[in-house]
C-alpha atoms as a PDB file:
ATOM      1  CA  MET A   1       0.000   0.000   0.000  1.00  0.00           C
ATOM      2  CA  ALA A   2       1.246   3.442  -0.857  1.00  0.00           C
ATOM      3  CA  TYR A   3       0.676   6.582   1.201  1.00  0.00           C
ATOM      4  CA  VAL A   4       1.658  10.214   0.853  1.00  0.00           C
ATOM      5  CA  GLY A   5       1.720  12.679   3.742  1.00  0.00           C
ATOM      6  CA  ILE A   6      -0.509  15.751   3.259  1.00  0.00           C
ATOM      7  CA  ASP A   7      -0.978  18.344   6.023  1.00  0.00           C
ATOM      8  CA  GLY A   8       0.050  15.843   8.690  1.00  0.00           C
ATOM      9  CA  GLU A   9      -2.298  13.102   7.432  1.00  0.00           C
ATOM     10  CA  ASP A  10      -1.544   9.972   5.396  1.00  0.00           C
ATOM     11  CA  MET A  11      -3.470   9.635   2.132  1.00  0.00           C
ATOM     12  CA  TYR A  12      -3.636   6.241   0.412  1.00  0.00           C
ATOM     13  CA  TYR A  13      -3.067   6.172  -3.352  1.00  0.00           C
ATOM     14  CA  GLU A  14      -2.701   3.716  -6.210  1.00  0.00           C
ATOM     15  CA  MET A  15      -1.003   4.061  -9.572  1.00  0.00           C
ATOM     16  CA  GLU A  16      -2.316   2.050 -12.492  1.00  0.00           C
ATOM     17  CA  GLY A  17      -1.563   1.993 -16.217  1.00  0.00           C
ATOM     18  CA  ASP A  18       0.036   4.820 -18.142  1.00  0.00           C
ATOM     19  CA  GLY A  19      -1.027   8.039 -19.823  1.00  0.00           C
ATOM     20  CA  ASP A  20      -2.469  11.204 -18.321  1.00  0.00           C
ATOM     21  CA  ALA A  21      -2.967  11.194 -14.559  1.00  0.00           C
ATOM     22  CA  ILE A  22      -6.428  11.469 -13.011  1.00  0.00           C
ATOM     23  CA  VAL A  23      -7.504  11.813  -9.394  1.00  0.00           C
ATOM     24  CA  LEU A  24     -10.618  10.008  -8.153  1.00  0.00           C
ATOM     25  CA  ILE A  25     -11.991  11.215  -4.818  1.00  0.00           C
ATOM     26  CA  HIS A  26     -14.779   9.363  -3.031  1.00  0.00           C
ATOM     27  CA  GLY A  27     -17.196  10.580  -0.383  1.00  0.00           C
ATOM     28  CA  ASN A  28     -16.616  10.434   3.365  1.00  0.00           C
ATOM     29  CA  GLU A  29     -18.280   7.053   3.986  1.00  0.00           C
ATOM     30  CA  ALA A  30     -16.677   5.283   0.992  1.00  0.00           C
ATOM     31  CA  HIS A  31     -13.219   3.776   0.425  1.00  0.00           C
ATOM     32  CA  HIS A  32     -10.738   3.172  -2.404  1.00  0.00           C
ATOM     33  CA  ARG A  33     -12.666   0.158  -3.734  1.00  0.00           C
ATOM     34  CA  THR A  34     -15.404   2.581  -4.837  1.00  0.00           C
ATOM     35  CA  TRP A  35     -13.331   3.126  -7.975  1.00  0.00           C
ATOM     36  CA  GLU A  36     -12.395  -0.526  -8.592  1.00  0.00           C
ATOM     37  CA  HIS A  37     -14.658  -0.827 -11.666  1.00  0.00           C
ATOM     38  CA  GLN A  38     -12.773   2.100 -13.263  1.00  0.00           C
ATOM     39  CA  PHE A  39      -9.661  -0.086 -13.512  1.00  0.00           C
ATOM     40  CA  GLU A  40     -11.181  -3.298 -14.892  1.00  0.00           C
ATOM     41  CA  GLY A  41      -9.381  -4.451 -18.021  1.00  0.00           C
ATOM     42  CA  SER A  42      -6.358  -2.213 -17.483  1.00  0.00           C
END
């Protein structure tokens, strides 16, 4: 698992594929698996 420190907090991130970068941000009650379907087939 990869984390980056931002304002004293650790933020989890994943890198997948190549090309232009995008940032996907979920709501407060969700988690990183919210975006899992975005990466299918990559």
